[in-house]
Protein backbone atom coordinates (compact mmCIF):
# COMPACT_ATOMS: atom_id res chain seq x y z
CA MET A 1 -38.16 38.65 -57.04
CA THR A 2 -41.34 37.15 -55.61
CA GLY A 3 -39.86 34.59 -53.25
CA ARG A 4 -42.54 32.14 -54.34
CA PRO A 5 -42.17 29.07 -52.07
CA ALA A 6 -43.95 26.64 -54.36
CA PRO A 7 -45.33 26.29 -57.89
CA ALA A 8 -48.77 27.68 -58.59
CA VAL A 9 -51.63 25.24 -58.13
CA LEU A 10 -53.40 26.79 -61.10
CA SER A 11 -51.06 26.96 -64.07
CA PRO A 12 -51.12 30.41 -65.73
CA SER A 13 -51.76 28.74 -69.09
CA LEU A 14 -55.01 27.25 -67.77
CA ARG A 15 -56.46 30.28 -66.01
CA ALA A 16 -58.36 31.76 -68.92
CA TRP A 17 -59.88 28.48 -70.10
CA LEU A 18 -60.81 27.23 -66.66
CA GLY A 19 -62.14 30.66 -65.78
CA LEU A 20 -64.52 30.38 -68.73
CA VAL A 21 -65.49 26.84 -67.70
CA ALA A 22 -66.13 28.05 -64.15
CA ALA A 23 -68.37 30.87 -65.37
CA LEU A 24 -70.43 28.53 -67.58
CA ALA A 25 -70.67 25.97 -64.77
CA ALA A 26 -71.88 28.63 -62.34
CA LEU A 27 -74.55 29.63 -64.87
CA VAL A 28 -75.77 26.02 -65.11
CA VAL A 29 -75.93 25.77 -61.30
CA VAL A 30 -78.05 28.92 -61.11
CA VAL A 31 -80.39 27.91 -63.95
CA LEU A 32 -81.01 24.45 -62.52
CA GLY A 33 -81.45 25.91 -59.05
CA VAL A 34 -84.14 28.29 -60.31
CA LEU A 35 -85.89 25.55 -62.31
CA TYR A 36 -86.08 23.11 -59.41
CA ALA A 37 -86.42 25.51 -56.48
CA ASP A 38 -88.71 24.15 -53.74
CA ASP A 39 -89.50 21.11 -55.90
CA GLY A 40 -89.89 17.61 -54.52
CA LYS A 41 -90.26 15.43 -57.58
CA PRO A 42 -88.15 14.37 -60.58
CA GLY A 43 -88.29 16.38 -63.77
CA MET A 44 -88.72 14.90 -67.23
CA VAL A 45 -84.99 14.39 -67.73
CA ASP A 46 -84.66 12.94 -64.23
CA ALA A 47 -87.40 10.40 -64.85
CA TRP A 48 -85.91 9.32 -68.18
CA ILE A 49 -82.42 8.80 -66.76
CA TRP A 50 -83.75 7.11 -63.63
CA ALA A 51 -85.64 4.61 -65.80
CA ALA A 52 -82.43 3.79 -67.67
CA VAL A 53 -80.33 3.36 -64.52
CA ASP A 54 -82.94 1.67 -62.32
CA GLY A 55 -82.61 -2.01 -61.57
CA VAL A 56 -78.83 -2.43 -61.23
CA GLY A 57 -77.80 -5.90 -60.08
CA PRO A 58 -76.44 -6.69 -56.61
CA SER A 59 -72.80 -6.61 -57.75
CA TRP A 60 -73.18 -3.13 -59.28
CA ARG A 61 -75.04 -1.98 -56.19
CA TYR A 62 -71.96 -2.86 -54.11
CA VAL A 63 -69.88 -0.74 -56.47
CA ALA A 64 -72.34 2.13 -56.07
CA LEU A 65 -72.23 1.81 -52.28
CA ALA A 66 -68.42 1.84 -52.35
CA MET A 67 -68.47 5.02 -54.43
CA ASP A 68 -71.06 6.55 -52.13
CA PHE A 69 -68.83 5.87 -49.10
CA LEU A 70 -66.13 8.09 -50.63
CA GLY A 71 -68.52 11.02 -50.27
CA GLU A 72 -69.57 10.21 -46.71
CA PRO A 73 -67.79 12.03 -43.84
CA VAL A 74 -65.39 9.18 -42.99
CA GLY A 75 -64.59 8.34 -46.61
CA ALA A 76 -64.25 11.99 -47.60
CA ALA A 77 -61.97 12.77 -44.66
CA THR A 78 -59.82 9.76 -45.53
CA LEU A 79 -59.44 10.96 -49.13
CA VAL A 80 -58.55 14.48 -48.03
CA VAL A 81 -55.97 13.28 -45.50
CA ALA A 82 -54.42 10.92 -48.06
CA THR A 83 -54.23 13.66 -50.70
CA VAL A 84 -52.79 16.21 -48.27
CA THR A 85 -50.20 13.66 -47.13
CA GLY A 86 -49.20 13.02 -50.73
CA CYS A 87 -48.78 16.75 -51.34
CA LEU A 88 -46.59 17.13 -48.26
CA LEU A 89 -44.47 14.13 -49.23
CA LEU A 90 -43.93 15.77 -52.61
CA ARG A 91 -43.00 19.00 -50.80
CA ARG A 92 -46.00 20.90 -52.15
CA PRO A 93 -47.39 22.73 -49.11
CA ARG A 94 -49.35 25.14 -51.28
CA ALA A 95 -51.05 22.19 -52.93
CA ALA A 96 -51.89 20.76 -49.51
CA VAL A 97 -53.59 24.04 -48.59
CA PHE A 98 -55.46 23.93 -51.89
CA VAL A 99 -56.79 20.43 -51.12
CA VAL A 100 -58.25 21.54 -47.80
CA ALA A 101 -59.48 24.91 -49.08
CA GLY A 102 -61.00 23.42 -52.22
CA ALA A 103 -62.84 20.67 -50.38
CA GLY A 104 -64.05 23.12 -47.74
CA MET A 105 -65.23 25.74 -50.24
CA THR A 106 -67.04 23.12 -52.34
CA VAL A 107 -68.83 21.57 -49.36
CA GLY A 108 -69.70 25.04 -48.09
CA ALA A 109 -71.11 26.08 -51.47
CA VAL A 110 -73.21 22.90 -51.68
CA THR A 111 -74.58 23.40 -48.17
CA LEU A 112 -75.55 27.00 -48.93
CA LEU A 113 -77.14 26.10 -52.26
CA LYS A 114 -79.20 23.30 -50.73
CA SER A 115 -80.69 25.73 -48.25
CA LEU A 116 -81.35 28.37 -50.90
CA VAL A 117 -82.84 26.07 -53.55
CA GLY A 118 -84.86 23.88 -51.19
CA ARG A 119 -85.29 20.93 -53.57
CA THR A 120 -86.13 17.72 -51.71
CA ILE A 121 -86.11 13.98 -52.26
CA HIS A 122 -87.58 11.15 -50.17
CA GLY A 123 -89.50 13.52 -47.96
CA ASP A 124 -87.65 16.53 -46.57
CA ASN A 125 -84.09 15.59 -47.57
CA LEU A 126 -82.46 18.50 -49.38
CA SER A 127 -81.04 17.23 -52.65
CA TYR A 128 -79.80 20.02 -54.95
CA PRO A 129 -76.92 20.02 -55.66
CA SER A 130 -75.39 16.61 -54.94
CA GLY A 131 -72.70 17.05 -52.29
CA HIS A 132 -71.17 13.64 -52.97
CA THR A 133 -70.71 14.46 -56.65
CA ALA A 134 -69.39 17.95 -55.95
CA PHE A 135 -66.85 16.75 -53.39
CA PHE A 136 -65.49 13.84 -55.42
CA THR A 137 -65.25 15.96 -58.56
CA ALA A 138 -63.46 18.70 -56.61
CA LEU A 139 -60.89 16.29 -55.20
CA CYS A 140 -60.19 14.79 -58.62
CA LEU A 141 -59.84 18.30 -60.02
CA VAL A 142 -57.18 19.01 -57.40
CA VAL A 143 -55.20 15.93 -58.41
CA ALA A 144 -55.55 16.75 -62.11
CA LEU A 145 -54.41 20.35 -61.62
CA LEU A 146 -51.38 19.23 -59.63
CA ALA A 147 -50.53 16.60 -62.25
CA THR A 148 -50.80 19.23 -64.98
CA GLY A 149 -48.30 21.45 -63.22
CA ARG A 150 -45.93 18.64 -62.30
CA LEU A 151 -45.90 17.23 -65.83
CA GLY A 152 -45.51 20.68 -67.34
CA LEU A 153 -48.46 20.22 -69.70
CA GLY A 154 -49.43 23.03 -72.03
CA ARG A 155 -52.79 24.75 -72.31
CA ALA A 156 -54.48 22.20 -74.58
CA ALA A 157 -53.18 19.04 -72.90
CA GLY A 158 -53.60 20.46 -69.41
CA THR A 159 -57.17 21.60 -70.01
CA LEU A 160 -58.02 18.23 -71.55
CA LEU A 161 -56.59 16.36 -68.56
CA VAL A 162 -58.43 18.51 -66.02
CA LEU A 163 -61.77 18.32 -67.79
CA ALA A 164 -61.41 14.57 -68.43
CA ALA A 165 -60.69 13.97 -64.74
CA ALA A 166 -63.71 16.05 -63.76
CA LEU A 167 -65.93 14.21 -66.23
CA VAL A 168 -64.85 10.74 -65.08
CA ALA A 169 -65.18 11.65 -61.40
CA GLY A 170 -68.56 13.28 -61.85
CA ALA A 171 -69.90 10.43 -63.98
CA ALA A 172 -68.73 7.76 -61.53
CA MET A 173 -70.08 9.38 -58.39
CA GLY A 174 -73.15 10.68 -60.17
CA TRP A 175 -74.03 7.22 -61.43
CA ALA A 176 -73.71 5.87 -57.89
CA GLN A 177 -76.01 8.54 -56.48
CA VAL A 178 -78.68 7.99 -59.14
CA ALA A 179 -78.41 4.19 -58.98
CA LEU A 180 -78.90 4.28 -55.21
CA GLY A 181 -81.83 6.66 -55.54
CA ALA A 182 -80.08 9.23 -53.36
CA HIS A 183 -80.31 12.07 -55.89
CA TYR A 184 -82.09 13.16 -59.01
CA PRO A 185 -79.83 13.19 -62.09
CA THR A 186 -80.14 16.98 -62.29
CA ASP A 187 -78.86 17.15 -58.69
CA VAL A 188 -75.78 15.31 -59.89
CA LEU A 189 -75.28 17.75 -62.76
CA GLY A 190 -75.63 20.64 -60.34
CA GLY A 191 -73.06 19.11 -58.00
CA TRP A 192 -70.62 18.53 -60.84
CA CYS A 193 -70.99 22.09 -62.07
CA THR A 194 -70.62 23.43 -58.52
CA ALA A 195 -67.17 21.83 -58.29
CA LEU A 196 -66.21 23.19 -61.72
CA ALA A 197 -67.28 26.67 -60.64
CA VAL A 198 -65.65 26.65 -57.20
CA MET A 199 -62.30 24.95 -57.74
CA PRO A 200 -60.66 27.28 -60.31
CA ALA A 201 -61.65 30.28 -58.18
CA THR A 202 -60.27 28.62 -55.05
CA ALA A 203 -57.01 27.74 -56.82
CA TRP A 204 -56.61 31.35 -57.98
CA LEU A 205 -57.29 32.62 -54.44
CA VAL A 206 -54.77 30.20 -52.90
CA ASP A 207 -52.11 31.25 -55.40
CA ARG A 208 -52.72 34.96 -54.89
CA THR A 209 -52.65 34.62 -51.12
CA ALA A 210 -49.50 32.47 -51.12
CA ASP A 211 -47.71 34.85 -53.49
CA TRP A 212 -48.71 37.85 -51.36
CA LEU A 213 -47.39 36.18 -48.22
CA ALA A 214 -44.17 35.23 -50.01
CA ASP A 215 -43.67 38.81 -51.17
CA ARG A 216 -44.27 40.14 -47.66
CA MET A 217 -41.74 37.68 -46.21
CA ALA A 218 -39.20 38.57 -48.92
CA ASP A 219 -39.63 42.30 -48.22
CA ALA A 220 -39.26 41.72 -44.49
CA GLY A 221 -36.04 39.78 -45.05
CA ARG A 222 -34.37 42.56 -47.01
């Protein structure tokens, strides 16, 4: 008897697949970081994508600014509080911890990588990886993982849902960052992959810690 107080945030059926995704994503983050270390200009791919996205109309710019706000401190804090509140209302305290831990680990990883890579944009502004993209992708991954567990989805359907949520979130926030000129497209890719690398590992750590605490409490109550 484990005395588990809540369902796992990372379904056992998804661990192997998402572990592989996390490893590949981490590899992409490292490769891009090495390629663009201490750089201050767009690469060939960046320039091509920028040319395609440049010149969005005023109405689309408002959409981009609204998306960008969700990655700013006030917007991000609002999203985290709302998601944590939803988890608590659904009586999922472990999920609430995962929201906070996942967001914190992702932001921490982005901050560390920016200092290590040293890529800049618009002067001395550190740009790789995109923190906005990483954060928004991470939060959507949390919601998708919780939905997978709550709906009881199997490996194939659950993995598809999680990856689709990550793709939509990363594409939406990434487009906003590129359209506003805040990041190079490869910064966006690095931010997206950072979230994919960090979140499965954080979910596994939260589950292991919660299960260990539950076992300790169960043993103490015997």
